[in-house]
Amino acid sequence: MKLIGQIIVSILLVAFVFFMFWLVFIIPFVGFNYETGRGEHTGYITAVEKHGIFFKTGTAYLKTDTQSSQEDTYCVIDPEIYAQLQDSGSKKQHINAYFYSVVSAGITKCDGEGQIIYKVVLID
């Protein structure tokens, strides 16, 4: 009976070590991509930039109105969306940006923060 207890304790210890490794090393790196929300922002792109030393991701700056002082930032992962946002920004086009949020994007995407734009629609 004592041997069974030792085996159970050993299994629990290995599971705990595995979980801690996953929590400390894997999640911050690749993220925990459980979707927590979706939304839409209508406005104008004021700037789009790429940043990151090893993992280049894009950031888009969006204002509801061109005269507004409030500017929201969004992450852009898809290169096609990035190019579309650059084009919309240079032409000062009115757009709808559709985005989603995740628990943690990880350092490989968006430095682990912010909403991620997945679709852009031009407004006539």
N, C-alpha and C. Protein backbone atom coordinates (compact mmCIF):
# COMPACT_ATOMS: atom_id res chain seq x y z
N MET A 1 0.83 -1.19 0.00
CA MET A 1 0.00 0.00 0.00
C MET A 1 0.87 1.26 0.00
N LYS A 2 2.02 1.18 0.71
CA LYS A 2 2.92 2.33 0.77
C LYS A 2 3.51 2.62 -0.61
N LEU A 3 3.76 1.56 -1.39
CA LEU A 3 4.31 1.72 -2.73
C LEU A 3 3.33 2.45 -3.64
N ILE A 4 2.06 2.15 -3.55
CA ILE A 4 1.03 2.81 -4.36
C ILE A 4 0.97 4.30 -4.01
N GLY A 5 1.07 4.63 -2.73
CA GLY A 5 1.08 6.03 -2.30
C GLY A 5 2.28 6.77 -2.85
N GLN A 6 3.45 6.13 -2.88
CA GLN A 6 4.65 6.76 -3.43
C GLN A 6 4.52 6.99 -4.94
N ILE A 7 3.91 6.03 -5.61
CA ILE A 7 3.71 6.17 -7.06
C ILE A 7 2.77 7.33 -7.35
N ILE A 8 1.69 7.43 -6.60
CA ILE A 8 0.73 8.52 -6.79
C ILE A 8 1.40 9.87 -6.51
N VAL A 9 2.17 9.97 -5.45
CA VAL A 9 2.88 11.21 -5.13
C VAL A 9 3.87 11.55 -6.24
N SER A 10 4.57 10.54 -6.77
CA SER A 10 5.52 10.77 -7.86
C SER A 10 4.82 11.28 -9.11
N ILE A 11 3.68 10.68 -9.43
CA ILE A 11 2.92 11.12 -10.61
C ILE A 11 2.43 12.55 -10.43
N LEU A 12 1.92 12.87 -9.26
CA LEU A 12 1.47 14.24 -9.00
C LEU A 12 2.62 15.23 -9.06
N LEU A 13 3.78 14.85 -8.57
CA LEU A 13 4.95 15.73 -8.61
C LEU A 13 5.39 15.99 -10.04
N VAL A 14 5.41 14.94 -10.87
CA VAL A 14 5.78 15.11 -12.28
C VAL A 14 4.76 15.99 -13.00
N ALA A 15 3.47 15.78 -12.72
CA ALA A 15 2.43 16.60 -13.33
C ALA A 15 2.57 18.06 -12.91
N PHE A 16 2.88 18.30 -11.65
CA PHE A 16 3.06 19.66 -11.16
C PHE A 16 4.26 20.33 -11.83
N VAL A 17 5.37 19.62 -11.95
CA VAL A 17 6.56 20.18 -12.60
C VAL A 17 6.26 20.50 -14.06
N PHE A 18 5.56 19.59 -14.74
CA PHE A 18 5.19 19.83 -16.13
C PHE A 18 4.30 21.06 -16.26
N PHE A 19 3.31 21.18 -15.39
CA PHE A 19 2.40 22.32 -15.40
C PHE A 19 3.15 23.63 -15.15
N MET A 20 4.06 23.64 -14.20
CA MET A 20 4.83 24.85 -13.89
C MET A 20 5.73 25.24 -15.07
N PHE A 21 6.34 24.25 -15.73
CA PHE A 21 7.16 24.53 -16.91
C PHE A 21 6.29 25.17 -17.99
N TRP A 22 5.11 24.61 -18.22
CA TRP A 22 4.18 25.13 -19.21
C TRP A 22 3.75 26.56 -18.86
N LEU A 23 3.46 26.79 -17.59
CA LEU A 23 3.00 28.09 -17.13
C LEU A 23 4.08 29.16 -17.21
N VAL A 24 5.31 28.81 -16.87
CA VAL A 24 6.39 29.78 -16.79
C VAL A 24 7.10 30.00 -18.13
N PHE A 25 7.25 28.93 -18.94
CA PHE A 25 8.05 29.06 -20.15
C PHE A 25 7.23 29.04 -21.45
N ILE A 26 6.25 28.19 -21.54
CA ILE A 26 5.53 28.02 -22.81
C ILE A 26 4.50 29.13 -23.03
N ILE A 27 3.64 29.39 -22.06
CA ILE A 27 2.59 30.40 -22.24
C ILE A 27 3.15 31.79 -22.55
N PRO A 28 4.17 32.28 -21.83
CA PRO A 28 4.68 33.61 -22.19
C PRO A 28 5.28 33.65 -23.59
N PHE A 29 5.78 32.54 -24.08
CA PHE A 29 6.42 32.51 -25.38
C PHE A 29 5.41 32.40 -26.51
N VAL A 30 4.54 31.39 -26.47
CA VAL A 30 3.60 31.17 -27.57
C VAL A 30 2.20 31.67 -27.26
N GLY A 31 1.91 31.96 -26.00
CA GLY A 31 0.61 32.51 -25.63
C GLY A 31 -0.41 31.44 -25.27
N PHE A 32 -1.51 31.92 -24.78
CA PHE A 32 -2.66 31.09 -24.46
C PHE A 32 -3.80 31.70 -25.26
N ASN A 33 -4.04 31.14 -26.43
CA ASN A 33 -4.91 31.78 -27.42
C ASN A 33 -6.39 31.45 -27.25
N TYR A 34 -6.86 31.53 -26.04
CA TYR A 34 -8.29 31.38 -25.79
C TYR A 34 -8.94 32.73 -26.02
N GLU A 35 -9.88 32.79 -26.94
CA GLU A 35 -10.52 34.06 -27.29
C GLU A 35 -11.40 34.56 -26.16
N THR A 36 -11.18 35.83 -25.78
CA THR A 36 -11.95 36.43 -24.70
C THR A 36 -12.92 37.51 -25.18
N GLY A 37 -12.82 37.91 -26.43
CA GLY A 37 -13.74 38.93 -26.93
C GLY A 37 -13.51 39.26 -28.38
N ARG A 38 -14.53 39.85 -28.99
CA ARG A 38 -14.47 40.32 -30.38
C ARG A 38 -15.10 41.70 -30.43
N GLY A 39 -14.68 42.46 -31.42
CA GLY A 39 -15.25 43.79 -31.56
C GLY A 39 -14.96 44.40 -32.92
N GLU A 40 -15.39 45.63 -33.05
CA GLU A 40 -15.23 46.36 -34.30
C GLU A 40 -14.98 47.83 -33.96
N HIS A 41 -14.07 48.44 -34.68
CA HIS A 41 -13.74 49.85 -34.46
C HIS A 41 -13.79 50.54 -35.82
N THR A 42 -14.57 51.60 -35.90
CA THR A 42 -14.70 52.37 -37.13
C THR A 42 -13.86 53.63 -36.99
N GLY A 43 -13.05 53.90 -38.00
CA GLY A 43 -12.24 55.11 -37.93
C GLY A 43 -11.20 55.18 -39.03
N TYR A 44 -10.10 55.86 -38.70
CA TYR A 44 -9.03 56.14 -39.66
C TYR A 44 -7.70 55.65 -39.10
N ILE A 45 -6.91 55.03 -39.96
CA ILE A 45 -5.58 54.58 -39.56
C ILE A 45 -4.65 55.79 -39.61
N THR A 46 -3.97 56.06 -38.49
CA THR A 46 -3.04 57.18 -38.46
C THR A 46 -1.60 56.73 -38.66
N ALA A 47 -1.30 55.48 -38.30
CA ALA A 47 0.05 54.96 -38.49
C ALA A 47 0.03 53.45 -38.39
N VAL A 48 0.99 52.82 -39.07
CA VAL A 48 1.19 51.38 -38.98
C VAL A 48 2.69 51.17 -38.89
N GLU A 49 3.11 50.34 -37.94
CA GLU A 49 4.55 50.12 -37.77
C GLU A 49 4.83 48.66 -37.44
N LYS A 50 6.03 48.23 -37.79
CA LYS A 50 6.53 46.89 -37.41
C LYS A 50 7.54 47.10 -36.30
N HIS A 51 7.51 46.20 -35.32
CA HIS A 51 8.48 46.30 -34.23
C HIS A 51 8.78 44.91 -33.70
N GLY A 52 9.83 44.81 -32.92
CA GLY A 52 10.25 43.54 -32.35
C GLY A 52 11.65 43.20 -32.81
N ILE A 53 12.46 42.65 -31.92
CA ILE A 53 13.83 42.29 -32.26
C ILE A 53 13.86 40.97 -33.02
N PHE A 54 13.25 39.94 -32.45
CA PHE A 54 13.26 38.63 -33.07
C PHE A 54 11.94 38.28 -33.76
N PHE A 55 10.84 38.72 -33.19
CA PHE A 55 9.51 38.39 -33.72
C PHE A 55 8.84 39.69 -34.15
N LYS A 56 8.90 39.98 -35.45
CA LYS A 56 8.33 41.22 -35.98
C LYS A 56 6.81 41.11 -36.06
N THR A 57 6.13 42.00 -35.37
CA THR A 57 4.68 42.09 -35.48
C THR A 57 4.32 43.55 -35.75
N GLY A 58 3.14 43.74 -36.25
CA GLY A 58 2.71 45.09 -36.60
C GLY A 58 1.81 45.70 -35.55
N THR A 59 1.84 47.02 -35.49
CA THR A 59 0.93 47.77 -34.65
C THR A 59 0.23 48.80 -35.52
N ALA A 60 -1.08 48.87 -35.39
CA ALA A 60 -1.87 49.85 -36.14
C ALA A 60 -2.47 50.83 -35.13
N TYR A 61 -2.42 52.10 -35.46
CA TYR A 61 -2.98 53.16 -34.63
C TYR A 61 -4.23 53.67 -35.32
N LEU A 62 -5.34 53.65 -34.60
CA LEU A 62 -6.63 53.97 -35.19
C LEU A 62 -7.34 55.04 -34.37
N LYS A 63 -7.86 56.06 -35.07
CA LYS A 63 -8.66 57.11 -34.43
C LYS A 63 -10.08 57.03 -34.98
N THR A 64 -11.04 57.28 -34.11
CA THR A 64 -12.43 57.29 -34.54
C THR A 64 -12.69 58.45 -35.49
N ASP A 65 -12.06 59.57 -35.21
CA ASP A 65 -12.18 60.77 -36.04
C ASP A 65 -10.78 61.33 -36.23
N THR A 66 -10.51 61.93 -37.38
CA THR A 66 -9.17 62.46 -37.63
C THR A 66 -8.80 63.59 -36.68
N GLN A 67 -9.77 64.29 -36.13
CA GLN A 67 -9.50 65.39 -35.21
C GLN A 67 -9.44 64.94 -33.74
N SER A 68 -9.76 63.70 -33.48
CA SER A 68 -9.78 63.18 -32.12
C SER A 68 -8.37 63.07 -31.53
N SER A 69 -8.26 63.29 -30.23
CA SER A 69 -6.97 63.13 -29.56
C SER A 69 -6.77 61.70 -29.08
N GLN A 70 -7.85 60.92 -29.02
CA GLN A 70 -7.74 59.53 -28.58
C GLN A 70 -7.33 58.64 -29.74
N GLU A 71 -6.30 57.85 -29.51
CA GLU A 71 -5.80 56.95 -30.53
C GLU A 71 -5.64 55.56 -29.91
N ASP A 72 -6.27 54.56 -30.51
CA ASP A 72 -6.20 53.19 -30.00
C ASP A 72 -5.18 52.39 -30.80
N THR A 73 -4.54 51.44 -30.13
CA THR A 73 -3.55 50.60 -30.80
C THR A 73 -4.08 49.18 -30.92
N TYR A 74 -3.74 48.56 -32.02
CA TYR A 74 -4.13 47.19 -32.30
C TYR A 74 -2.94 46.44 -32.88
N CYS A 75 -2.89 45.16 -32.61
CA CYS A 75 -1.85 44.30 -33.15
C CYS A 75 -2.28 43.79 -34.52
N VAL A 76 -1.29 43.63 -35.42
CA VAL A 76 -1.55 43.10 -36.75
C VAL A 76 -0.56 41.97 -36.99
N ILE A 77 -1.08 40.77 -37.18
CA ILE A 77 -0.23 39.60 -37.41
C ILE A 77 -0.17 39.25 -38.89
N ASP A 78 -1.29 39.31 -39.57
CA ASP A 78 -1.41 38.92 -40.97
C ASP A 78 -0.75 39.96 -41.88
N PRO A 79 0.22 39.57 -42.72
CA PRO A 79 0.89 40.53 -43.62
C PRO A 79 -0.06 41.20 -44.61
N GLU A 80 -1.11 40.49 -45.06
CA GLU A 80 -2.06 41.08 -45.99
C GLU A 80 -2.88 42.18 -45.31
N ILE A 81 -3.29 41.94 -44.07
CA ILE A 81 -4.02 42.96 -43.31
C ILE A 81 -3.11 44.16 -43.05
N TYR A 82 -1.84 43.88 -42.73
CA TYR A 82 -0.87 44.96 -42.50
C TYR A 82 -0.76 45.85 -43.74
N ALA A 83 -0.63 45.24 -44.91
CA ALA A 83 -0.51 46.01 -46.16
C ALA A 83 -1.79 46.79 -46.43
N GLN A 84 -2.94 46.19 -46.17
CA GLN A 84 -4.22 46.88 -46.37
C GLN A 84 -4.36 48.08 -45.43
N LEU A 85 -3.90 47.93 -44.19
CA LEU A 85 -3.95 49.04 -43.24
C LEU A 85 -2.99 50.16 -43.64
N GLN A 86 -1.82 49.79 -44.14
CA GLN A 86 -0.87 50.80 -44.64
C GLN A 86 -1.49 51.60 -45.77
N ASP A 87 -2.10 50.90 -46.70
CA ASP A 87 -2.73 51.55 -47.85
C ASP A 87 -3.87 52.47 -47.40
N SER A 88 -4.71 51.97 -46.47
CA SER A 88 -5.83 52.78 -45.97
C SER A 88 -5.34 54.01 -45.23
N GLY A 89 -4.26 53.87 -44.50
CA GLY A 89 -3.70 55.01 -43.77
C GLY A 89 -3.14 56.07 -44.69
N SER A 90 -2.44 55.64 -45.74
CA SER A 90 -1.85 56.62 -46.65
C SER A 90 -2.92 57.34 -47.48
N LYS A 91 -4.04 56.67 -47.73
CA LYS A 91 -5.12 57.28 -48.50
C LYS A 91 -6.18 57.94 -47.61
N LYS A 92 -5.99 57.85 -46.28
CA LYS A 92 -6.92 58.43 -45.30
C LYS A 92 -8.35 57.92 -45.52
N GLN A 93 -8.47 56.63 -45.69
CA GLN A 93 -9.78 56.01 -45.93
C GLN A 93 -10.46 55.66 -44.61
N HIS A 94 -11.77 55.77 -44.61
CA HIS A 94 -12.60 55.41 -43.46
C HIS A 94 -12.78 53.89 -43.49
N ILE A 95 -12.49 53.22 -42.38
CA ILE A 95 -12.53 51.75 -42.36
C ILE A 95 -13.27 51.22 -41.13
N ASN A 96 -13.65 49.96 -41.22
CA ASN A 96 -14.07 49.17 -40.07
C ASN A 96 -12.98 48.14 -39.82
N ALA A 97 -12.42 48.14 -38.63
CA ALA A 97 -11.41 47.15 -38.26
C ALA A 97 -12.05 46.17 -37.29
N TYR A 98 -12.03 44.90 -37.63
CA TYR A 98 -12.59 43.86 -36.77
C TYR A 98 -11.44 43.21 -36.01
N PHE A 99 -11.63 43.05 -34.71
CA PHE A 99 -10.53 42.53 -33.89
C PHE A 99 -11.05 41.51 -32.88
N TYR A 100 -10.11 40.76 -32.32
CA TYR A 100 -10.42 39.83 -31.24
C TYR A 100 -9.34 39.94 -30.17
N SER A 101 -9.68 39.49 -28.98
CA SER A 101 -8.74 39.49 -27.85
C SER A 101 -8.53 38.06 -27.38
N VAL A 102 -7.33 37.79 -26.89
CA VAL A 102 -7.01 36.48 -26.32
C VAL A 102 -6.47 36.67 -24.92
N VAL A 103 -6.40 35.58 -24.16
CA VAL A 103 -5.89 35.65 -22.79
C VAL A 103 -4.46 36.17 -22.80
N SER A 104 -3.60 35.57 -23.61
CA SER A 104 -2.21 36.00 -23.74
C SER A 104 -1.74 35.65 -25.14
N ALA A 105 -1.29 36.64 -25.89
CA ALA A 105 -0.84 36.39 -27.26
C ALA A 105 0.58 35.84 -27.29
N GLY A 106 1.34 36.01 -26.22
CA GLY A 106 2.73 35.55 -26.20
C GLY A 106 3.66 36.56 -26.84
N ILE A 107 4.95 36.40 -26.58
CA ILE A 107 5.92 37.37 -27.11
C ILE A 107 6.14 37.22 -28.61
N THR A 108 5.74 36.09 -29.17
CA THR A 108 5.91 35.91 -30.61
C THR A 108 4.86 36.66 -31.40
N LYS A 109 3.78 37.07 -30.74
CA LYS A 109 2.72 37.83 -31.39
C LYS A 109 2.35 39.01 -30.50
N CYS A 110 2.51 40.18 -30.99
CA CYS A 110 2.00 41.40 -30.34
C CYS A 110 2.61 41.68 -28.97
N ASP A 111 3.76 41.17 -28.69
CA ASP A 111 4.40 41.36 -27.38
C ASP A 111 3.48 40.93 -26.25
N GLY A 112 2.55 40.05 -26.54
CA GLY A 112 1.68 39.49 -25.51
C GLY A 112 0.49 40.33 -25.10
N GLU A 113 0.24 41.46 -25.76
CA GLU A 113 -0.87 42.31 -25.34
C GLU A 113 -1.67 42.81 -26.53
N GLY A 114 -2.83 43.34 -26.22
CA GLY A 114 -3.63 44.07 -27.20
C GLY A 114 -4.56 43.20 -28.02
N GLN A 115 -5.48 43.88 -28.68
CA GLN A 115 -6.42 43.21 -29.56
C GLN A 115 -5.75 43.00 -30.92
N ILE A 116 -6.16 41.96 -31.60
CA ILE A 116 -5.55 41.58 -32.87
C ILE A 116 -6.56 41.81 -33.99
N ILE A 117 -6.19 42.64 -34.97
CA ILE A 117 -7.06 42.90 -36.12
C ILE A 117 -6.99 41.71 -37.06
N TYR A 118 -8.17 41.18 -37.43
CA TYR A 118 -8.22 40.03 -38.34
C TYR A 118 -8.95 40.36 -39.65
N LYS A 119 -9.60 41.51 -39.74
CA LYS A 119 -10.35 41.86 -40.95
C LYS A 119 -10.49 43.37 -41.03
N VAL A 120 -10.39 43.91 -42.25
CA VAL A 120 -10.56 45.33 -42.49
C VAL A 120 -11.52 45.51 -43.67
N VAL A 121 -12.52 46.37 -43.46
CA VAL A 121 -13.51 46.66 -44.51
C VAL A 121 -13.54 48.16 -44.74
N LEU A 122 -13.41 48.57 -46.01
CA LEU A 122 -13.48 49.98 -46.35
C LEU A 122 -14.93 50.46 -46.29
N ILE A 123 -15.12 51.68 -45.81
CA ILE A 123 -16.45 52.29 -45.77
C ILE A 123 -16.52 53.31 -46.88
N ASP A 124 -17.58 53.21 -47.69
CA ASP A 124 -17.73 54.16 -48.82
C ASP A 124 -18.00 55.55 -48.35
